[in-house]
Every structure is written in structure tokens, then in C-alpha cells.
């Protein structure tokens, strides 16, 4: 059995809080609507990155 110990999951509440920030860490949206997590670097985010149901689907696919 695999256990995901380092998931980098953002709840909707946390994502909204990061979107409202002006300093890093924050979530930024570019002109085409795609969002990125800006911390020490820039990480692209899936459109449904903050949905628990999607995270569970991915973990099931990965055998976690």
C-alpha cells in the first residue's frame, strides 16, 4: 500500500487565500486564465487542482 506523504494539495479555501495575496506565496492567473503557484519558483496548476474528488481520482490512478 502506497501512502502519499507529500501531496501539495490546496483546499479551495487555501487556494482562494493564495489568490488574494500580493506577495509570495500566491496563486497568479495569466491572460489565458491558466493559474500558477508562485513560491520559490513557479508551478503550473491543473484547472481543478483544488478539488478533493480530482485528487482522490489521481491517487486511485497512482495506486496511493
PDB file of N, CA and C in Angstrom:
ATOM      1  N   UNK A   1       0.842  -1.178   0.000  1.00  0.00           N
ATOM      2  CA  UNK A   1       0.000   0.000   0.000  1.00  0.00           C
ATOM      3  C   UNK A   1       0.888   1.241   0.000  1.00  0.00           C
ATOM      4  N   UNK A   2       0.618   2.164  -0.928  1.00  0.00           N
ATOM      5  CA  UNK A   2       1.361   3.420  -1.004  1.00  0.00           C
ATOM      6  C   UNK A   2       0.611   4.500  -0.228  1.00  0.00           C
ATOM      7  N   UNK A   3       1.362   5.356   0.431  1.00  0.00           N
ATOM      8  CA  UNK A   3       0.788   6.465   1.182  1.00  0.00           C
ATOM      9  C   UNK A   3       1.412   7.757   0.671  1.00  0.00           C
ATOM     10  N   UNK A   4       0.573   8.699   0.259  1.00  0.00           N
ATOM     11  CA  UNK A   4       1.051   9.977  -0.251  1.00  0.00           C
ATOM     12  C   UNK A   4       1.373  10.883   0.931  1.00  0.00           C
ATOM     13  N   UNK A   5       2.662  11.085   1.191  1.00  0.00           N
ATOM     14  CA  UNK A   5       3.105  11.887   2.325  1.00  0.00           C
ATOM     15  C   UNK A   5       3.413  13.337   1.937  1.00  0.00           C
ATOM     16  N   UNK A   6       3.366  13.626   0.646  1.00  0.00           N
ATOM     17  CA  UNK A   6       3.800  14.953   0.192  1.00  0.00           C
ATOM     18  C   UNK A   6       2.935  15.358  -1.005  1.00  0.00           C
ATOM     19  N   UNK A   7       1.670  15.586  -0.784  1.00  0.00           N
ATOM     20  CA  UNK A   7       0.705  15.734  -1.866  1.00  0.00           C
ATOM     21  C   UNK A   7       0.619  17.133  -2.472  1.00  0.00           C
ATOM     22  N   UNK A   8       1.022  18.166  -1.766  1.00  0.00           N
ATOM     23  CA  UNK A   8       0.846  19.540  -2.246  1.00  0.00           C
ATOM     24  C   UNK A   8      -0.598  19.813  -2.638  1.00  0.00           C
ATOM     25  N   UNK A   9      -1.523  19.402  -1.798  1.00  0.00           N
ATOM     26  CA  UNK A   9      -2.936  19.630  -2.088  1.00  0.00           C
ATOM     27  C   UNK A   9      -3.366  20.976  -1.525  1.00  0.00           C
ATOM     28  N   UNK A  10      -4.074  21.740  -2.330  1.00  0.00           N
ATOM     29  CA  UNK A  10      -4.616  23.016  -1.914  1.00  0.00           C
ATOM     30  C   UNK A  10      -6.121  22.862  -1.757  1.00  0.00           C
ATOM     31  N   UNK A  11      -6.643  23.178  -0.592  1.00  0.00           N
ATOM     32  CA  UNK A  11      -8.090  23.216  -0.436  1.00  0.00           C
ATOM     33  C   UNK A  11      -8.618  24.461  -1.164  1.00  0.00           C
ATOM     34  N   UNK A  12      -9.914  24.498  -1.432  1.00  0.00           N
ATOM     35  CA  UNK A  12     -10.489  25.679  -2.087  1.00  0.00           C
ATOM     36  C   UNK A  12     -10.255  26.933  -1.251  1.00  0.00           C
ATOM     37  N   UNK A  13     -10.373  26.791   0.077  1.00  0.00           N
ATOM     38  CA  UNK A  13     -10.173  27.928   0.978  1.00  0.00           C
ATOM     39  C   UNK A  13      -8.733  28.440   0.879  1.00  0.00           C
ATOM     40  N   UNK A  14      -7.763  27.535   0.903  1.00  0.00           N
ATOM     41  CA  UNK A  14      -6.360  27.941   0.796  1.00  0.00           C
ATOM     42  C   UNK A  14      -6.071  28.556  -0.572  1.00  0.00           C
ATOM     43  N   UNK A  15      -6.607  27.951  -1.633  1.00  0.00           N
ATOM     44  CA  UNK A  15      -6.395  28.494  -2.972  1.00  0.00           C
ATOM     45  C   UNK A  15      -6.954  29.913  -3.069  1.00  0.00           C
ATOM     46  N   UNK A  16      -8.129  30.143  -2.520  1.00  0.00           N
ATOM     47  CA  UNK A  16      -8.712  31.487  -2.543  1.00  0.00           C
ATOM     48  C   UNK A  16      -7.838  32.476  -1.765  1.00  0.00           C
ATOM     49  N   UNK A  17      -7.326  32.035  -0.636  1.00  0.00           N
ATOM     50  CA  UNK A  17      -6.452  32.899   0.160  1.00  0.00           C
ATOM     51  C   UNK A  17      -5.168  33.227  -0.610  1.00  0.00           C
ATOM     52  N   UNK A  18      -4.596  32.244  -1.281  1.00  0.00           N
ATOM     53  CA  UNK A  18      -3.380  32.482  -2.054  1.00  0.00           C
ATOM     54  C   UNK A  18      -3.653  33.383  -3.264  1.00  0.00           C
ATOM     55  N   UNK A  19      -4.834  33.283  -3.845  1.00  0.00           N
ATOM     56  CA  UNK A  19      -5.204  34.155  -4.970  1.00  0.00           C
ATOM     57  C   UNK A  19      -5.295  35.615  -4.527  1.00  0.00           C
ATOM     58  N   UNK A  20      -5.661  35.848  -3.290  1.00  0.00           N
ATOM     59  CA  UNK A  20      -5.848  37.211  -2.801  1.00  0.00           C
ATOM     60  C   UNK A  20      -4.549  37.876  -2.355  1.00  0.00           C
ATOM     61  N   UNK A  21      -3.464  37.115  -2.285  1.00  0.00           N
ATOM     62  CA  UNK A  21      -2.188  37.663  -1.818  1.00  0.00           C
ATOM     63  C   UNK A  21      -1.485  38.470  -2.911  1.00  0.00           C
ATOM     64  N   UNK A  22      -0.708  39.466  -2.480  1.00  0.00           N
ATOM     65  CA  UNK A  22       0.098  40.250  -3.410  1.00  0.00           C
ATOM     66  C   UNK A  22       1.569  39.863  -3.334  1.00  0.00           C
ATOM     67  N   UNK A  23       1.944  39.150  -2.287  1.00  0.00           N
ATOM     68  CA  UNK A  23       3.327  38.686  -2.125  1.00  0.00           C
ATOM     69  C   UNK A  23       3.343  37.170  -2.127  1.00  0.00           C
ATOM     70  N   UNK A  24       4.511  36.586  -2.465  1.00  0.00           N
ATOM     71  CA  UNK A  24       4.610  35.125  -2.482  1.00  0.00           C
ATOM     72  C   UNK A  24       4.637  34.606  -1.055  1.00  0.00           C
ATOM     73  N   UNK A  25       4.057  33.437  -0.814  1.00  0.00           N
ATOM     74  CA  UNK A  25       3.439  32.545  -1.784  1.00  0.00           C
ATOM     75  C   UNK A  25       2.069  33.061  -2.220  1.00  0.00           C
ATOM     76  N   UNK A  26       1.756  32.860  -3.488  1.00  0.00           N
ATOM     77  CA  UNK A  26       0.477  33.296  -4.028  1.00  0.00           C
ATOM     78  C   UNK A  26       0.156  32.492  -5.277  1.00  0.00           C
ATOM     79  N   UNK A  27      -1.083  32.590  -5.719  1.00  0.00           N
ATOM     80  CA  UNK A  27      -1.510  31.989  -6.979  1.00  0.00           C
ATOM     81  C   UNK A  27      -1.766  33.135  -7.947  1.00  0.00           C
ATOM     82  N   UNK A  28      -1.155  33.040  -9.124  1.00  0.00           N
ATOM     83  CA  UNK A  28      -1.341  34.069 -10.142  1.00  0.00           C
ATOM     84  C   UNK A  28      -2.062  33.474 -11.342  1.00  0.00           C
ATOM     85  N   UNK A  29      -2.853  34.300 -12.011  1.00  0.00           N
ATOM     86  CA  UNK A  29      -3.567  33.868 -13.205  1.00  0.00           C
ATOM     87  C   UNK A  29      -3.021  34.668 -14.385  1.00  0.00           C
ATOM     88  N   UNK A  30      -2.661  33.974 -15.462  1.00  0.00           N
ATOM     89  CA  UNK A  30      -2.167  34.649 -16.659  1.00  0.00           C
ATOM     90  C   UNK A  30      -3.334  34.959 -17.587  1.00  0.00           C
ATOM     91  N   UNK A  31      -3.049  35.683 -18.679  1.00  0.00           N
ATOM     92  CA  UNK A  31      -4.097  36.182 -19.571  1.00  0.00           C
ATOM     93  C   UNK A  31      -5.042  35.110 -20.092  1.00  0.00           C
ATOM     94  N   UNK A  32      -4.533  33.896 -20.329  1.00  0.00           N
ATOM     95  CA  UNK A  32      -5.403  32.839 -20.866  1.00  0.00           C
ATOM     96  C   UNK A  32      -6.207  32.128 -19.781  1.00  0.00           C
ATOM     97  N   UNK A  33      -6.093  32.594 -18.527  1.00  0.00           N
ATOM     98  CA  UNK A  33      -6.863  32.027 -17.430  1.00  0.00           C
ATOM     99  C   UNK A  33      -6.152  30.916 -16.681  1.00  0.00           C
ATOM    100  N   UNK A  34      -4.989  30.473 -17.175  1.00  0.00           N
ATOM    101  CA  UNK A  34      -4.242  29.404 -16.513  1.00  0.00           C
ATOM    102  C   UNK A  34      -3.628  29.944 -15.233  1.00  0.00           C
ATOM    103  N   UNK A  35      -3.644  29.136 -14.167  1.00  0.00           N
ATOM    104  CA  UNK A  35      -3.118  29.577 -12.878  1.00  0.00           C
ATOM    105  C   UNK A  35      -1.794  28.897 -12.544  1.00  0.00           C
ATOM    106  N   UNK A  36      -0.970  29.627 -11.808  1.00  0.00           N
ATOM    107  CA  UNK A  36       0.333  29.136 -11.370  1.00  0.00           C
ATOM    108  C   UNK A  36       0.505  29.410  -9.890  1.00  0.00           C
ATOM    109  N   UNK A  37       1.164  28.468  -9.201  1.00  0.00           N
ATOM    110  CA  UNK A  37       1.520  28.679  -7.802  1.00  0.00           C
ATOM    111  C   UNK A  37       2.899  29.312  -7.796  1.00  0.00           C
ATOM    112  N   UNK A  38       3.007  30.485  -7.198  1.00  0.00           N
ATOM    113  CA  UNK A  38       4.268  31.201  -7.135  1.00  0.00           C
ATOM    114  C   UNK A  38       4.763  31.156  -5.709  1.00  0.00           C
ATOM    115  N   UNK A  39       5.862  30.458  -5.508  1.00  0.00           N
ATOM    116  CA  UNK A  39       6.508  30.397  -4.192  1.00  0.00           C
ATOM    117  C   UNK A  39       7.988  30.679  -4.438  1.00  0.00           C
ATOM    118  N   UNK A  40       8.850  29.683  -4.267  1.00  0.00           N
ATOM    119  CA  UNK A  40      10.264  29.884  -4.575  1.00  0.00           C
ATOM    120  C   UNK A  40      10.504  29.756  -6.074  1.00  0.00           C
ATOM    121  N   UNK A  41       9.559  29.152  -6.779  1.00  0.00           N
ATOM    122  CA  UNK A  41       9.574  29.014  -8.229  1.00  0.00           C
ATOM    123  C   UNK A  41       8.146  29.184  -8.715  1.00  0.00           C
ATOM    124  N   UNK A  42       7.891  28.784  -9.928  1.00  0.00           N
ATOM    125  CA  UNK A  42       6.539  28.870 -10.469  1.00  0.00           C
ATOM    126  C   UNK A  42       6.107  27.477 -10.903  1.00  0.00           C
ATOM    127  N   UNK A  43       4.951  27.022 -10.392  1.00  0.00           N
ATOM    128  CA  UNK A  43       4.439  25.692 -10.706  1.00  0.00           C
ATOM    129  C   UNK A  43       3.069  25.828 -11.364  1.00  0.00           C
ATOM    130  N   UNK A  44       2.898  25.268 -12.580  1.00  0.00           N
ATOM    131  CA  UNK A  44       1.573  25.322 -13.196  1.00  0.00           C
ATOM    132  C   UNK A  44       0.576  24.467 -12.425  1.00  0.00           C
ATOM    133  N   UNK A  45      -0.671  24.887 -12.413  1.00  0.00           N
ATOM    134  CA  UNK A  45      -1.725  24.181 -11.697  1.00  0.00           C
ATOM    135  C   UNK A  45      -2.793  23.698 -12.669  1.00  0.00           C
ATOM    136  N   UNK A  46      -3.310  22.481 -12.441  1.00  0.00           N
ATOM    137  CA  UNK A  46      -4.436  21.994 -13.227  1.00  0.00           C
ATOM    138  C   UNK A  46      -5.661  22.836 -12.896  1.00  0.00           C
ATOM    139  N   UNK A  47      -6.610  22.895 -13.808  1.00  0.00           N
ATOM    140  CA  UNK A  47      -7.793  23.724 -13.589  1.00  0.00           C
ATOM    141  C   UNK A  47      -8.599  23.278 -12.365  1.00  0.00           C
ATOM    142  N   UNK A  48      -8.551  22.007 -12.011  1.00  0.00           N
ATOM    143  CA  UNK A  48      -9.303  21.507 -10.860  1.00  0.00           C
ATOM    144  C   UNK A  48      -8.387  21.051  -9.726  1.00  0.00           C
ATOM    145  N   UNK A  49      -7.251  21.749  -9.573  1.00  0.00           N
ATOM    146  CA  UNK A  49      -6.249  21.350  -8.582  1.00  0.00           C
ATOM    147  C   UNK A  49      -6.762  21.403  -7.153  1.00  0.00           C
ATOM    148  N   UNK A  50      -7.796  22.188  -6.896  1.00  0.00           N
ATOM    149  CA  UNK A  50      -8.296  22.350  -5.524  1.00  0.00           C
ATOM    150  C   UNK A  50      -9.547  21.524  -5.239  1.00  0.00           C
ATOM    151  N   UNK A  51      -9.814  20.547  -6.087  1.00  0.00           N
ATOM    152  CA  UNK A  51     -10.995  19.695  -5.910  1.00  0.00           C
ATOM    153  C   UNK A  51     -10.587  18.360  -5.291  1.00  0.00           C
ATOM    154  N   UNK A  52     -11.145  18.058  -4.138  1.00  0.00           N
ATOM    155  CA  UNK A  52     -10.833  16.813  -3.429  1.00  0.00           C
ATOM    156  C   UNK A  52     -11.136  15.597  -4.304  1.00  0.00           C
ATOM    157  N   UNK A  53     -12.265  15.639  -5.007  1.00  0.00           N
ATOM    158  CA  UNK A  53     -12.648  14.483  -5.828  1.00  0.00           C
ATOM    159  C   UNK A  53     -11.600  14.196  -6.904  1.00  0.00           C
ATOM    160  N   UNK A  54     -11.023  15.234  -7.489  1.00  0.00           N
ATOM    161  CA  UNK A  54      -9.981  15.037  -8.511  1.00  0.00           C
ATOM    162  C   UNK A  54      -8.721  14.462  -7.887  1.00  0.00           C
ATOM    163  N   UNK A  55      -8.350  14.923  -6.716  1.00  0.00           N
ATOM    164  CA  UNK A  55      -7.155  14.405  -6.041  1.00  0.00           C
ATOM    165  C   UNK A  55      -7.335  12.924  -5.731  1.00  0.00           C
ATOM    166  N   UNK A  56      -8.514  12.536  -5.288  1.00  0.00           N
ATOM    167  CA  UNK A  56      -8.781  11.126  -4.989  1.00  0.00           C
ATOM    168  C   UNK A  56      -8.695  10.294  -6.264  1.00  0.00           C
ATOM    169  N   UNK A  57      -9.257  10.799  -7.367  1.00  0.00           N
ATOM    170  CA  UNK A  57      -9.142  10.090  -8.657  1.00  0.00           C
ATOM    171  C   UNK A  57      -7.683   9.873  -9.032  1.00  0.00           C
ATOM    172  N   UNK A  58      -6.871  10.912  -8.914  1.00  0.00           N
ATOM    173  CA  UNK A  58      -5.453  10.797  -9.269  1.00  0.00           C
ATOM    174  C   UNK A  58      -4.750   9.808  -8.347  1.00  0.00           C
ATOM    175  N   UNK A  59      -5.019   9.864  -7.060  1.00  0.00           N
ATOM    176  CA  UNK A  59      -4.376   8.940  -6.126  1.00  0.00           C
ATOM    177  C   UNK A  59      -4.786   7.510  -6.436  1.00  0.00           C
ATOM    178  N   UNK A  60      -6.045   7.292  -6.811  1.00  0.00           N
ATOM    179  CA  UNK A  60      -6.504   5.951  -7.218  1.00  0.00           C
ATOM    180  C   UNK A  60      -5.738   5.490  -8.452  1.00  0.00           C
ATOM    181  N   UNK A  61      -5.557   6.398  -9.437  1.00  0.00           N
ATOM    182  CA  UNK A  61      -4.807   6.055 -10.640  1.00  0.00           C
ATOM    183  C   UNK A  61      -3.361   5.688 -10.312  1.00  0.00           C
ATOM    184  N   UNK A  62      -2.781   6.365  -9.347  1.00  0.00           N
ATOM    185  CA  UNK A  62      -1.383   6.147  -8.971  1.00  0.00           C
ATOM    186  C   UNK A  62      -1.210   5.001  -7.985  1.00  0.00           C
ATOM    187  N   UNK A  63      -2.317   4.426  -7.522  1.00  0.00           N
ATOM    188  CA  UNK A  63      -2.233   3.323  -6.574  1.00  0.00           C
ATOM    189  C   UNK A  63      -1.899   3.775  -5.161  1.00  0.00           C
ATOM    190  N   UNK A  64      -2.266   5.009  -4.837  1.00  0.00           N
ATOM    191  CA  UNK A  64      -1.991   5.555  -3.498  1.00  0.00           C
ATOM    192  C   UNK A  64      -3.208   5.377  -2.640  1.00  0.00           C
TER     193      UNK A  64
END
